[in-house]
Protein backbone atom coordinates (compact mmCIF):
# COMPACT_ATOMS: atom_id res chain seq x y z
CA MET A 1 -6.06 -18.21 -24.23
CA ASN A 2 -7.60 -15.52 -21.98
CA LEU A 3 -6.09 -12.12 -20.95
CA CYS A 4 -4.97 -13.52 -17.47
CA PHE A 5 -2.93 -16.32 -18.85
CA ILE A 6 -1.23 -14.10 -21.38
CA LEU A 7 -0.35 -11.43 -18.89
CA SER A 8 0.83 -13.95 -16.44
CA VAL A 9 3.25 -15.55 -18.86
CA ILE A 10 4.55 -12.21 -20.08
CA PHE A 11 5.23 -10.97 -16.56
CA PHE A 12 6.98 -14.27 -15.69
CA LEU A 13 9.27 -13.93 -18.66
CA PHE A 14 10.00 -10.35 -17.72
CA SER A 15 10.90 -11.51 -14.15
CA MET A 16 13.38 -14.08 -15.42
CA PHE A 17 14.81 -11.44 -17.90
CA PHE A 18 15.51 -8.87 -15.15
CA LEU A 19 16.96 -11.61 -12.83
CA TRP A 20 19.30 -12.51 -15.67
CA LEU A 21 20.24 -8.85 -16.18
CA ASN A 22 21.05 -8.53 -12.43
CA LEU A 23 23.30 -11.66 -12.55
CA VAL A 24 25.19 -10.46 -15.67
CA TYR A 25 25.33 -6.71 -15.22
CA MET A 26 25.22 -6.44 -11.42
CA ASN A 27 28.18 -4.00 -11.11
CA LEU A 28 27.13 -1.66 -13.89
CA ILE A 29 24.70 1.19 -13.82
CA TYR A 30 22.76 2.35 -16.92
CA PHE A 31 21.20 5.80 -17.37
CA ILE A 32 18.91 5.96 -20.31
CA GLU A 33 17.27 9.08 -21.72
CA PHE A 34 14.47 9.32 -24.37
CA ASN A 35 13.80 12.64 -25.97
CA ILE A 36 10.10 12.72 -26.26
CA LEU A 37 9.73 16.26 -27.65
CA SER A 38 12.19 19.01 -28.64
CA MET A 39 11.05 22.55 -29.45
CA ASN A 40 13.56 25.30 -29.85
CA SER A 41 15.57 25.29 -26.51
CA CYS A 42 12.86 23.30 -24.71
CA SER A 43 12.87 19.52 -24.49
CA ILE A 44 10.95 16.91 -22.72
CA VAL A 45 13.09 13.96 -21.72
CA MET A 46 12.05 10.57 -20.10
CA THR A 47 14.94 9.24 -17.97
CA MET A 48 15.36 5.72 -16.68
CA TYR A 49 17.89 4.44 -14.05
CA PHE A 50 18.98 0.79 -13.89
CA ASP A 51 21.25 -0.66 -11.28
CA TRP A 52 21.29 -3.94 -9.28
CA MET A 53 18.54 -2.63 -6.96
CA THR A 54 16.27 -1.77 -9.94
CA TYR A 55 16.85 -5.20 -11.49
CA MET A 56 16.14 -7.13 -8.25
CA PHE A 57 12.99 -5.15 -7.34
CA LEU A 58 11.64 -5.34 -10.94
CA SER A 59 12.16 -9.13 -10.99
CA VAL A 60 10.25 -9.63 -7.69
CA VAL A 61 7.52 -7.24 -8.76
CA PHE A 62 7.00 -9.00 -12.10
CA PHE A 63 7.13 -12.53 -10.52
CA ILE A 64 4.57 -11.78 -7.84
CA SER A 65 2.36 -9.97 -10.37
CA SER A 66 2.50 -13.05 -12.57
CA SER A 67 1.44 -15.38 -9.72
CA VAL A 68 -1.31 -12.86 -8.60
CA ILE A 69 -2.80 -12.50 -12.18
CA PHE A 70 -2.75 -16.15 -12.70
CA TYR A 71 -4.45 -16.70 -9.26
CA SER A 72 -7.06 -14.07 -10.09
CA ASN A 73 -8.20 -16.11 -13.20
CA TYR A 74 -9.50 -18.84 -10.83
CA TYR A 75 -10.33 -16.75 -7.82
CA MET A 76 -12.53 -14.36 -9.73
CA MET A 77 -13.77 -16.80 -12.36
CA ASN A 78 -17.48 -15.82 -11.84
CA ASP A 79 -16.88 -12.13 -12.02
CA LEU A 80 -18.54 -10.58 -15.05
CA SER A 81 -15.93 -7.77 -15.42
CA ILE A 82 -12.76 -9.79 -14.79
CA ASN A 83 -11.08 -8.28 -17.90
CA ARG A 84 -11.62 -4.74 -16.47
CA PHE A 85 -10.18 -5.83 -13.15
CA ILE A 86 -7.08 -7.43 -14.95
CA LEU A 87 -6.45 -4.31 -16.85
CA MET A 88 -6.56 -2.14 -13.67
CA VAL A 89 -4.17 -4.47 -12.06
CA PHE A 90 -1.87 -4.19 -15.13
CA MET A 91 -2.03 -0.34 -14.78
CA PHE A 92 -1.27 -0.67 -11.19
CA VAL A 93 1.93 -2.77 -11.91
CA PHE A 94 2.91 -0.34 -14.67
CA SER A 95 2.64 2.67 -12.22
CA MET A 96 4.92 0.71 -9.80
CA ILE A 97 7.50 0.04 -12.61
CA LEU A 98 7.43 3.74 -13.54
CA LEU A 99 8.24 4.70 -9.98
CA ILE A 100 11.04 1.95 -9.70
CA ILE A 101 12.98 2.95 -12.89
CA SER A 102 12.59 6.79 -12.50
CA PRO A 103 15.52 8.88 -11.24
CA ASN A 104 13.42 12.03 -11.73
CA LEU A 105 10.86 13.31 -9.20
CA ILE A 106 8.46 14.38 -11.90
CA SER A 107 8.19 10.90 -13.48
CA ILE A 108 8.25 9.42 -9.89
CA LEU A 109 5.15 11.62 -9.22
CA LEU A 110 3.31 10.12 -12.19
CA GLY A 111 3.85 6.51 -10.98
CA TRP A 112 3.06 7.71 -7.30
CA ASP A 113 -0.25 9.31 -8.31
CA GLY A 114 -0.91 6.41 -10.58
CA LEU A 115 -0.70 3.97 -7.70
CA GLY A 116 -2.95 6.12 -5.55
CA LEU A 117 -5.63 6.59 -8.08
CA ILE A 118 -5.77 2.97 -9.33
CA SER A 119 -5.62 1.72 -5.68
CA TYR A 120 -8.76 3.91 -5.05
CA CYS A 121 -10.49 2.28 -8.11
CA LEU A 122 -9.50 -1.24 -6.85
CA VAL A 123 -10.61 -0.67 -3.26
CA ILE A 124 -14.14 0.38 -4.42
CA TYR A 125 -14.30 -2.43 -6.85
CA TYR A 126 -17.21 -4.18 -5.11
CA GLN A 127 -19.42 -1.05 -5.16
CA ASN A 128 -20.89 -1.06 -1.67
CA ILE A 129 -20.89 1.42 1.23
CA LYS A 130 -18.04 -0.19 3.13
CA SER A 131 -15.85 -0.18 -0.03
CA PHE A 132 -16.68 3.50 -0.78
CA ASN A 133 -15.80 4.57 2.75
CA ALA A 134 -12.58 2.59 2.64
CA GLY A 135 -11.66 4.08 -0.72
CA MET A 136 -12.30 7.61 0.45
CA LEU A 137 -10.17 7.11 3.52
CA THR A 138 -7.34 5.54 1.37
CA ILE A 139 -7.20 8.19 -1.29
CA LEU A 140 -7.53 11.23 1.18
CA MET A 141 -4.76 9.82 3.35
CA ASN A 142 -2.54 9.27 0.32
CA ARG A 143 -3.20 12.83 -0.97
CA VAL A 144 -1.27 14.17 1.93
CA GLY A 145 1.82 12.23 0.70
CA ASP A 146 1.12 13.45 -2.83
CA VAL A 147 1.10 17.13 -1.70
CA ALA A 148 4.33 16.51 0.23
CA LEU A 149 5.92 15.10 -2.91
CA LEU A 150 4.85 18.10 -4.89
CA MET A 151 6.36 20.44 -2.19
CA SER A 152 9.66 18.39 -2.47
CA ILE A 153 9.59 18.90 -6.27
CA ALA A 154 9.05 22.61 -5.76
CA TRP A 155 11.85 22.88 -3.17
CA MET A 156 14.21 20.84 -5.45
CA MET A 157 14.21 23.68 -7.97
CA ASN A 158 16.85 25.19 -5.75
CA PHE A 159 19.27 22.54 -7.01
CA GLY A 160 18.55 23.18 -10.59
CA SER A 161 17.41 19.67 -11.50
CA TRP A 162 14.84 17.11 -10.51
CA ASN A 163 17.14 14.28 -11.21
CA TYR A 164 17.95 13.45 -7.63
CA ILE A 165 20.39 10.82 -8.54
CA PHE A 166 22.93 13.38 -9.68
CA PHE A 167 23.22 15.56 -6.48
CA LEU A 168 22.55 13.06 -3.65
CA SER A 169 26.25 12.17 -3.45
CA PHE A 170 27.12 15.86 -2.88
CA VAL A 171 24.44 16.81 -0.40
CA THR A 172 25.66 19.22 2.39
CA VAL A 173 23.93 19.94 5.72
CA ASN A 174 21.84 23.01 5.06
CA PHE A 175 18.28 24.13 5.28
CA ASN A 176 17.22 23.14 1.74
CA SER A 177 18.37 19.46 2.19
CA SER A 178 16.44 19.33 5.58
CA MET A 179 13.30 20.51 4.09
CA ILE A 180 13.54 18.07 1.16
CA LEU A 181 14.19 15.18 3.56
CA PHE A 182 11.06 16.38 5.69
CA PHE A 183 8.81 16.33 2.58
CA ILE A 184 10.12 12.97 1.41
CA LEU A 185 9.67 11.40 4.81
CA LEU A 186 6.14 12.77 5.04
CA ALA A 187 5.27 11.34 1.55
CA CYS A 188 6.81 7.94 2.43
CA PHE A 189 5.08 7.83 5.82
CA THR A 190 1.63 8.25 4.18
CA LYS A 191 2.33 5.68 1.52
CA SER A 192 3.71 3.23 3.90
CA ALA A 193 1.13 3.88 6.39
CA GLN A 194 3.19 4.89 9.47
CA ILE A 195 1.68 6.63 12.47
CA PRO A 196 -0.45 8.76 12.28
CA PHE A 197 -1.55 7.67 8.79
CA SER A 198 -1.93 3.94 9.69
CA SER A 199 -5.63 3.72 9.58
CA TRP A 200 -6.04 3.39 5.77
CA LEU A 201 -4.08 0.05 5.43
CA PRO A 202 -6.60 -2.24 7.34
CA ALA A 203 -9.53 -0.31 5.75
CA ALA A 204 -8.14 -1.00 2.23
CA MET A 205 -8.98 -4.75 2.83
CA ALA A 206 -12.27 -3.99 1.21
CA ALA A 207 -10.51 -4.62 -2.14
CA PRO A 208 -10.57 -8.07 -3.72
CA THR A 209 -7.98 -10.49 -2.20
CA PRO A 210 -5.72 -10.56 -5.33
CA VAL A 211 -5.46 -6.79 -5.02
CA SER A 212 -4.57 -6.99 -1.32
CA SER A 213 -1.94 -9.68 -2.12
CA LEU A 214 -0.39 -7.30 -4.78
CA VAL A 215 -0.64 -4.03 -2.66
CA HIS A 216 0.70 -5.47 0.57
CA SER A 217 3.58 -7.37 -0.96
CA SER A 218 5.44 -5.48 -3.65
CA THR A 219 3.69 -2.37 -4.94
CA LEU A 220 1.79 0.38 -3.06
CA VAL A 221 2.94 0.20 0.54
CA THR A 222 6.48 -0.66 -0.42
CA ALA A 223 6.81 2.43 -2.58
CA GLY A 224 7.56 4.52 0.37
CA VAL A 225 10.28 2.24 1.61
CA TYR A 226 11.77 2.06 -1.76
CA LEU A 227 11.90 5.78 -2.23
CA LEU A 228 13.55 6.38 1.10
CA ILE A 229 16.25 3.70 0.22
CA ARG A 230 16.99 5.85 -3.02
CA PHE A 231 17.18 9.04 -0.88
CA LYS A 232 19.42 7.37 1.75
CA ASN A 233 22.24 10.04 1.28
CA LEU A 234 19.78 12.53 2.73
CA PHE A 235 19.67 10.74 6.01
CA PHE A 236 22.75 12.35 7.22
CA VAL A 237 21.62 16.05 7.02
CA ASN A 238 19.22 16.22 9.95
CA ASN A 239 19.70 13.96 13.15
CA SER A 240 16.48 15.18 14.74
CA LEU A 241 14.32 13.97 11.78
CA ILE A 242 16.06 10.62 11.86
CA PHE A 243 15.27 10.33 15.60
CA TRP A 244 11.57 11.07 15.16
CA GLY A 245 11.50 8.67 12.18
CA VAL A 246 12.92 5.85 14.27
CA LEU A 247 10.47 6.60 17.10
CA ILE A 248 7.39 6.62 14.85
CA SER A 249 8.42 3.45 12.96
CA VAL A 250 9.04 1.53 16.22
CA LEU A 251 5.71 2.65 17.64
CA THR A 252 3.98 1.53 14.38
CA MET A 253 5.48 -1.82 14.87
CA LEU A 254 4.26 -2.07 18.46
CA MET A 255 0.76 -0.74 17.68
CA SER A 256 0.08 -3.09 14.77
CA GLY A 257 1.46 -6.05 16.76
CA VAL A 258 -0.72 -5.39 19.77
CA ASN A 259 -3.87 -4.78 17.59
CA ALA A 260 -3.32 -7.96 15.55
CA ASN A 261 -3.41 -10.05 18.71
CA PHE A 262 -7.03 -8.70 19.40
CA GLU A 263 -8.35 -8.80 15.74
CA ILE A 264 -10.69 -11.50 14.56
CA ASP A 265 -10.83 -10.66 10.77
CA LEU A 266 -8.36 -12.87 8.81
CA LYS A 267 -7.50 -10.29 6.24
CA LYS A 268 -7.11 -7.52 8.74
CA ILE A 269 -4.69 -9.65 10.81
CA ILE A 270 -2.49 -10.04 7.72
CA ALA A 271 -2.78 -6.42 6.87
CA LEU A 272 -1.57 -5.47 10.38
CA SER A 273 1.25 -7.79 9.91
CA THR A 274 2.17 -5.89 6.88
CA LEU A 275 2.06 -2.69 8.87
CA SER A 276 4.31 -4.23 11.46
CA GLN A 277 6.88 -5.22 8.76
CA LEU A 278 6.86 -1.92 7.27
CA GLY A 279 7.64 -0.40 10.65
CA PHE A 280 10.51 -2.90 10.94
CA MET A 281 11.87 -1.82 7.42
CA MET A 282 11.62 1.79 8.27
CA SER A 283 13.42 1.43 11.56
CA THR A 284 16.15 -0.56 9.94
CA LEU A 285 16.43 2.21 7.30
CA PHE A 286 16.77 5.00 9.93
CA LEU A 287 19.34 2.99 11.79
CA GLY A 288 21.55 2.85 8.71
CA GLY A 289 20.81 -0.62 7.30
CA PHE A 290 19.84 0.31 3.79
CA ASN A 291 20.84 -2.98 2.09
CA LEU A 292 19.26 -4.91 4.92
CA ALA A 293 15.98 -3.05 4.68
CA PHE A 294 15.96 -3.74 0.91
CA PHE A 295 16.67 -7.38 1.49
CA HIS A 296 13.87 -7.62 3.96
CA LEU A 297 11.60 -5.76 1.47
CA LEU A 298 12.10 -8.44 -1.16
CA THR A 299 11.67 -11.48 1.24
CA HIS A 300 8.62 -9.90 2.85
CA ALA A 301 7.09 -9.41 -0.56
CA LEU A 302 7.33 -13.12 -1.39
CA PHE A 303 5.85 -14.62 1.86
CA LYS A 304 3.23 -11.87 2.26
CA ALA A 305 1.96 -12.45 -1.34
CA LEU A 306 1.45 -16.26 -0.54
CA LEU A 307 -0.05 -15.48 2.82
CA PHE A 308 -2.75 -13.25 1.23
CA MET A 309 -3.39 -15.81 -1.56
CA CYS A 310 -3.87 -18.59 0.80
CA ALA A 311 -6.19 -16.45 2.97
CA GLY A 312 -8.21 -15.54 -0.05
CA ALA A 313 -8.67 -19.15 -1.03
CA ILE A 314 -9.70 -20.00 2.54
CA ILE A 315 -12.18 -17.16 2.75
CA HIS A 316 -13.59 -18.18 -0.55
CA ASN A 317 -14.02 -21.81 0.59
CA PHE A 318 -15.75 -20.69 3.74
CA ASN A 319 -18.39 -18.89 1.70
CA ASN A 320 -16.83 -15.37 2.05
CA MET A 321 -16.69 -15.55 5.91
CA GLN A 322 -13.65 -13.81 7.41
CA ASP A 323 -14.09 -14.39 11.20
CA ILE A 324 -11.24 -16.65 12.32
CA ARG A 325 -13.24 -17.82 15.46
CA LEU A 326 -15.73 -19.63 13.04
CA MET A 327 -13.04 -21.38 11.01
CA GLY A 328 -11.21 -24.62 11.41
CA CYS A 329 -10.27 -27.96 10.00
CA VAL A 330 -8.43 -26.53 6.99
CA SER A 331 -5.55 -29.05 7.62
CA LYS A 332 -8.05 -31.94 7.41
CA TYR A 333 -9.97 -31.06 4.21
CA SER A 334 -7.46 -28.86 2.47
CA PRO A 335 -3.91 -30.10 3.42
CA PHE A 336 -2.01 -28.34 0.52
CA MET A 337 -3.59 -25.00 1.35
CA ALA A 338 -2.78 -25.53 4.96
CA VAL A 339 0.87 -26.36 4.26
CA CYS A 340 1.30 -23.23 2.05
CA PHE A 341 -0.46 -21.10 4.74
CA MET A 342 1.84 -22.41 7.57
CA PHE A 343 5.05 -22.00 5.60
CA ALA A 344 4.14 -18.30 4.79
CA ASN A 345 3.39 -17.80 8.43
CA PHE A 346 6.69 -19.54 9.52
CA SER A 347 8.53 -17.11 7.17
CA LEU A 348 6.76 -14.14 8.75
CA CYS A 349 7.85 -15.28 12.17
CA GLY A 350 11.48 -15.73 11.10
CA PHE A 351 11.55 -19.53 11.40
CA PRO A 352 14.94 -20.88 10.60
CA PHE A 353 15.71 -21.45 6.98
CA MET A 354 12.53 -19.91 5.60
CA VAL A 355 12.84 -16.84 3.39
CA GLY A 356 11.94 -14.40 6.21
CA PHE A 357 14.66 -15.90 8.51
CA TYR A 358 17.64 -14.81 6.35
CA SER A 359 16.67 -11.08 6.42
CA LYS A 360 14.90 -10.81 9.89
CA ASP A 361 17.52 -12.66 11.90
CA LEU A 362 20.23 -10.74 10.21
CA ILE A 363 18.65 -7.43 11.04
CA LEU A 364 17.90 -8.35 14.77
CA GLU A 365 21.51 -9.59 15.13
CA SER A 366 22.89 -6.32 13.66
CA MET A 367 20.78 -4.41 16.13
CA LEU A 368 22.24 -6.35 18.98
CA PHE A 369 25.68 -5.86 17.59
CA MET A 370 25.36 -2.06 17.38
CA ASN A 371 25.66 -0.42 20.71
CA ASN A 372 25.46 3.28 19.86
CA PHE A 373 21.79 3.86 20.13
CA ASN A 374 19.07 3.83 22.78
CA ILE A 375 18.37 0.46 24.52
CA LEU A 376 14.72 1.25 24.62
CA LEU A 377 14.46 0.97 20.80
CA VAL A 378 16.03 -2.51 20.92
CA VAL A 379 13.49 -3.47 23.64
CA LEU A 380 10.56 -2.19 21.64
CA ILE A 381 11.71 -3.88 18.42
CA PHE A 382 12.23 -7.33 20.10
CA LEU A 383 8.87 -6.90 21.77
CA SER A 384 7.30 -6.16 18.50
CA THR A 385 8.94 -9.34 17.00
CA LEU A 386 7.58 -11.40 19.97
CA LEU A 387 4.08 -10.02 19.17
CA THR A 388 4.44 -10.93 15.61
CA VAL A 389 5.07 -14.61 16.55
CA CYS A 390 2.03 -14.42 19.04
CA TYR A 391 -0.57 -13.33 16.38
CA THR A 392 0.91 -15.60 13.77
CA PHE A 393 0.52 -18.82 15.82
CA ARG A 394 -2.82 -17.52 17.09
CA LEU A 395 -3.88 -17.33 13.47
CA ILE A 396 -2.47 -20.88 12.82
CA LEU A 397 -4.39 -22.29 15.90
CA PHE A 398 -7.77 -20.84 14.80
CA VAL A 399 -7.58 -21.45 11.07
CA ILE A 400 -5.35 -24.63 10.53
CA LEU A 401 -5.39 -26.71 13.67
CA ASN A 402 -8.71 -25.90 15.35
CA ASN A 403 -11.96 -27.85 14.89
CA TYR A 404 -15.11 -26.13 13.62
CA ASN A 405 -16.49 -23.92 16.14
CA PHE A 406 -19.68 -22.82 14.42
CA PHE A 407 -19.47 -22.36 10.71
CA SER A 408 -19.37 -25.92 9.36
CA LEU A 409 -20.83 -25.08 5.96
CA ASN A 410 -17.72 -24.79 3.67
CA PHE A 411 -16.34 -25.92 0.41
CA LEU A 412 -12.82 -26.68 1.47
CA ASN A 413 -10.93 -28.60 -1.11
CA ASP A 414 -7.71 -28.61 -3.19
CA ASP A 415 -9.21 -29.24 -6.55
CA SER A 416 -8.41 -26.08 -8.43
CA TRP A 417 -5.13 -26.73 -10.27
CA GLY A 418 -4.77 -23.11 -11.25
CA LEU A 419 -4.77 -21.98 -7.66
CA ASN A 420 -2.45 -24.67 -6.60
CA LEU A 421 0.02 -23.81 -9.43
CA SER A 422 0.05 -20.15 -8.45
CA LEU A 423 0.75 -21.08 -4.84
CA ILE A 424 3.45 -23.68 -5.79
CA MET A 425 5.49 -20.86 -7.69
CA LEU A 426 5.55 -18.74 -4.40
CA MET A 427 6.17 -21.74 -2.30
CA ILE A 428 9.39 -22.62 -4.15
CA MET A 429 10.62 -19.05 -3.68
CA ILE A 430 9.82 -19.14 0.06
CA ILE A 431 11.83 -22.29 0.49
CA PHE A 432 14.78 -21.41 -1.69
CA GLY A 433 14.53 -17.73 -2.19
CA GLY A 434 16.04 -16.55 1.11
CA SER A 435 19.55 -18.00 0.57
CA SER A 436 19.50 -17.20 -3.14
CA LEU A 437 18.70 -13.56 -2.49
CA SER A 438 21.20 -13.24 0.23
CA TRP A 439 23.92 -14.66 -2.20
CA ILE A 440 22.90 -12.14 -4.79
CA ILE A 441 22.58 -9.09 -2.66
CA PHE A 442 25.56 -9.84 -0.33
CA PRO A 443 28.30 -11.52 -2.55
CA MET A 444 30.54 -11.42 0.51
CA THR A 445 29.27 -13.57 3.31
CA LYS A 446 27.54 -11.16 5.79
CA MET A 447 27.96 -12.62 9.36
CA VAL A 448 27.55 -10.98 12.70
CA PHE A 449 29.59 -12.37 15.55
CA LEU A 450 27.85 -12.40 18.94
CA PRO A 451 27.92 -14.24 22.24
CA VAL A 452 25.87 -17.41 22.37
CA TYR A 453 23.12 -15.95 24.49
CA PHE A 454 22.68 -13.12 21.96
CA LYS A 455 22.73 -15.45 19.09
CA ILE A 456 19.82 -17.72 20.40
CA PHE A 457 17.84 -14.63 21.72
CA PRO A 458 15.83 -14.19 18.39
CA LEU A 459 15.01 -18.00 18.42
CA GLY A 460 14.04 -17.74 22.01
CA MET A 461 11.65 -15.01 21.26
CA ILE A 462 9.97 -17.22 18.59
CA CYS A 463 9.64 -20.06 21.14
CA LEU A 464 8.24 -17.64 23.76
CA GLY A 465 5.67 -16.23 21.21
CA MET A 466 4.44 -19.75 20.40
CA PHE A 467 3.62 -20.33 24.06
CA MET A 468 1.99 -16.95 24.56
CA SER A 469 -0.15 -17.48 21.44
CA GLY A 470 -1.94 -20.37 23.20
CA GLY A 471 -3.08 -18.02 26.01
CA LEU A 472 -4.29 -15.49 23.48
CA PHE A 473 -6.11 -18.35 21.64
CA PHE A 474 -8.26 -19.13 24.78
CA LEU A 475 -8.52 -15.38 25.65
CA SER A 476 -10.31 -14.61 22.28
CA PHE A 477 -13.32 -16.59 23.44
CA ASN A 478 -13.80 -14.52 26.56
CA LEU A 479 -16.10 -11.61 25.63
CA LYS A 480 -15.74 -9.78 28.89
CA PHE A 481 -12.26 -8.30 28.09
CA LYS A 482 -13.56 -6.39 25.13
CA LYS A 483 -15.62 -4.01 27.41
CA ASN A 484 -12.58 -2.50 29.05
CA MET A 485 -11.54 0.93 27.72
CA LEU A 486 -7.84 0.01 27.73
CA MET A 487 -8.55 -3.12 25.67
CA ASN A 488 -10.54 -1.02 23.16
CA PHE A 489 -7.58 1.28 22.91
CA PHE A 490 -5.25 -1.58 22.00
CA SER A 491 -7.82 -3.29 19.69
CA LEU A 492 -8.64 -0.25 17.78
CA MET A 493 -5.16 0.88 16.61
CA TRP A 494 -4.94 3.44 19.45
CA PHE A 495 -8.24 5.07 18.09
CA LEU A 496 -6.43 6.06 14.90
CA PRO A 497 -9.22 5.13 12.64
CA ILE A 498 -11.67 7.35 14.67
CA LEU A 499 -9.29 10.17 14.80
CA SER A 500 -8.60 9.94 11.06
CA THR A 501 -12.31 9.92 10.18
CA LEU A 502 -12.72 13.05 12.44
CA VAL A 503 -9.96 14.83 10.74
CA ILE A 504 -11.27 14.01 7.29
CA LYS A 505 -14.82 15.17 8.36
CA ILE A 506 -13.41 18.48 9.64
CA GLY A 507 -11.44 18.88 6.37
CA VAL A 508 -14.43 18.18 4.17
CA LYS A 509 -16.50 20.76 6.25
CA LEU A 510 -13.73 23.37 5.91
CA SER A 511 -13.40 22.69 2.19
CA LYS A 512 -17.19 23.24 1.86
CA GLY A 513 -16.77 26.52 3.75
CA PHE A 514 -14.02 27.55 1.41
CA TYR A 515 -16.03 26.38 -1.57
CA LYS A 516 -18.92 28.66 -0.40
CA ILE A 517 -16.57 31.66 0.03
CA ASP A 518 -15.11 30.96 -3.47
CA GLN A 519 -18.68 30.59 -4.88
CA THR A 520 -19.70 33.73 -3.18
CA TRP A 521 -16.92 36.03 -4.44
CA ILE A 522 -16.46 34.59 -7.92
CA GLU A 523 -19.86 33.06 -8.80
CA PHE A 524 -22.23 35.36 -7.11
CA MET A 525 -20.46 38.73 -7.43
CA ILE A 526 -19.40 38.30 -11.03
CA SER A 527 -20.81 35.33 -12.92
CA GLU A 528 -24.27 35.38 -11.48
CA LYS A 529 -24.53 39.17 -11.76
CA ILE A 530 -23.66 38.86 -15.51
CA VAL A 531 -26.32 36.17 -15.94
CA ASP A 532 -28.91 38.14 -14.07
CA LEU A 533 -28.15 41.23 -16.25
CA ILE A 534 -28.51 39.06 -19.43
CA LYS A 535 -31.77 37.64 -18.15
CA PHE A 536 -33.05 41.09 -17.33
CA GLN A 537 -32.36 42.31 -20.90
CA VAL A 538 -33.92 39.16 -22.29
CA CYS A 539 -36.89 39.78 -20.28
CA LYS A 540 -37.26 43.32 -21.44
CA ILE A 541 -36.98 42.02 -24.99
CA ASP A 542 -39.60 39.40 -24.28
CA LEU A 543 -41.90 42.06 -22.86
CA MET A 544 -41.48 44.09 -25.97
CA PHE A 545 -42.40 41.27 -28.22
CA PHE A 546 -45.31 40.42 -26.04
CA SER A 547 -46.65 43.93 -26.06
CA PHE A 548 -46.12 44.11 -29.82
CA ASN A 549 -48.04 40.87 -30.37
CA LYS A 550 -50.94 42.17 -28.18
CA LEU A 551 -51.03 45.53 -30.02
CA ILE A 552 -51.28 43.71 -33.32
CA ASN A 553 -54.26 41.60 -32.14
CA LEU A 554 -55.82 44.78 -30.84
CA PHE A 555 -55.36 46.56 -33.97
CA SER A 556 -56.80 43.56 -35.95
CA ILE A 557 -59.92 43.41 -33.87
CA LEU A 558 -60.64 47.23 -34.13
CA MET A 559 -60.09 47.03 -37.96
CA PHE A 560 -62.54 44.09 -38.14
CA PHE A 561 -65.21 46.06 -36.06
CA TRP A 562 -64.60 49.29 -38.18
CA ILE A 563 -65.21 47.39 -41.48
CA PHE A 564 -68.24 45.66 -40.01
CA PHE A 565 -69.65 49.00 -38.80
CA ILE A 566 -69.06 50.62 -42.34
CA ILE A 567 -70.92 47.72 -44.08
């Protein structure tokens, strides 16, 4: 048995174990401390916090990791360093687990930085220029969030402890609480790629597809949403920050939805759908639906993992070609893959009785039910939902239902039983997981009573999006619309990648300038002067030895001539 199979089985057993713990001990909270080192009055303690949310998230993370690692054994079969890749994925999952179970900001920082560092190693895995650029953009963007988390740790010293679980229930409206909320929001916005930090998420598609499946479903990008759910009691200390948070998250939904309708790269379309769903979760959080946001976090993890795994298999079978305009006939030559891909897309749209429907429809109905916030937010959220359906069915038309346009050389088949088994595991959860998760998270039936026209409004948006996707399908073949400046603005994420690159270049140049100043004052004025002084003294000593040696030679020659003269 190889490493992939062993890790996959272990993770699956852990997933079932935490699901059982959640069913048995759902109403109990466990706070565990391990005394690592105690010296006089100083002690280093590792703390772990377990409640129903920890159990559920750990169960989903272990389940998806099990499927992804089992899938990697067949997807990366010809890779010479697959064991190194699997160990990096294991470290990635371990960092996420450390972040989930930690009630202490110091240990959260360990998991947070671990996710950032290992994600950089995985993005540059293929060792080419595109991967290096994407990895640098990813890690530099995430460093902003790491600095914000460090600032929140420093500011939390005003409360006397870094265990945020203890004092979140007693937070009052003051300057300290507002500053901690600001730094936590900044950290979570960078990790979850909200505006203006959105450009690194599509760039991170340079990583192998199993990594993309893991990153975009349950680990890296969801860490920010999960941390905000844990800090939910801070949301009542500053209304202006909450307003700007809602606005930024809704604009992120809108931007990613518009851009995905103009994108032609298969993996980038799915990455932009992740960005849209992250904005949807963030906006739900800021509007007060914490359990609803967590519910959608779990359901999104399940169908997004399957979506990326199917996309990876399709790209692999099309000889590593990712342009959707050149694909087609997947339903004819690879029917099982096509069924899995369509089911995952239906869940993304919120199609009835798929796993995404139970969370997405409930959130949209709750937003229609609440009448105490701006109607513009409701319009933008439903417009973003419409765009989600548009780009999803456009993707189905290009990849699944369309005939070959150009690239007919392919290896489409359903022969790999390992790939099929990993897809079946997630397929079962997509069909039955929505109702099961809703029963576990909401033991009391959660229903929203609305008029009939409001009830069918989300379903109407799905139908309207299906019709609009047909127009976008034919528009994609018209190359003239790309030359318009406005179209470039919408298809390039509002020029955020260009602006991010410029900011990073300016930062690097400034850092070089500061490095020269630092080098001048410290290196040149102190270190180099000492070295020069030592060199000067050494040169003097060398000169003395040289002169002495020359004098000895001169004396020897004179003595030889004197003896010869006497003889």
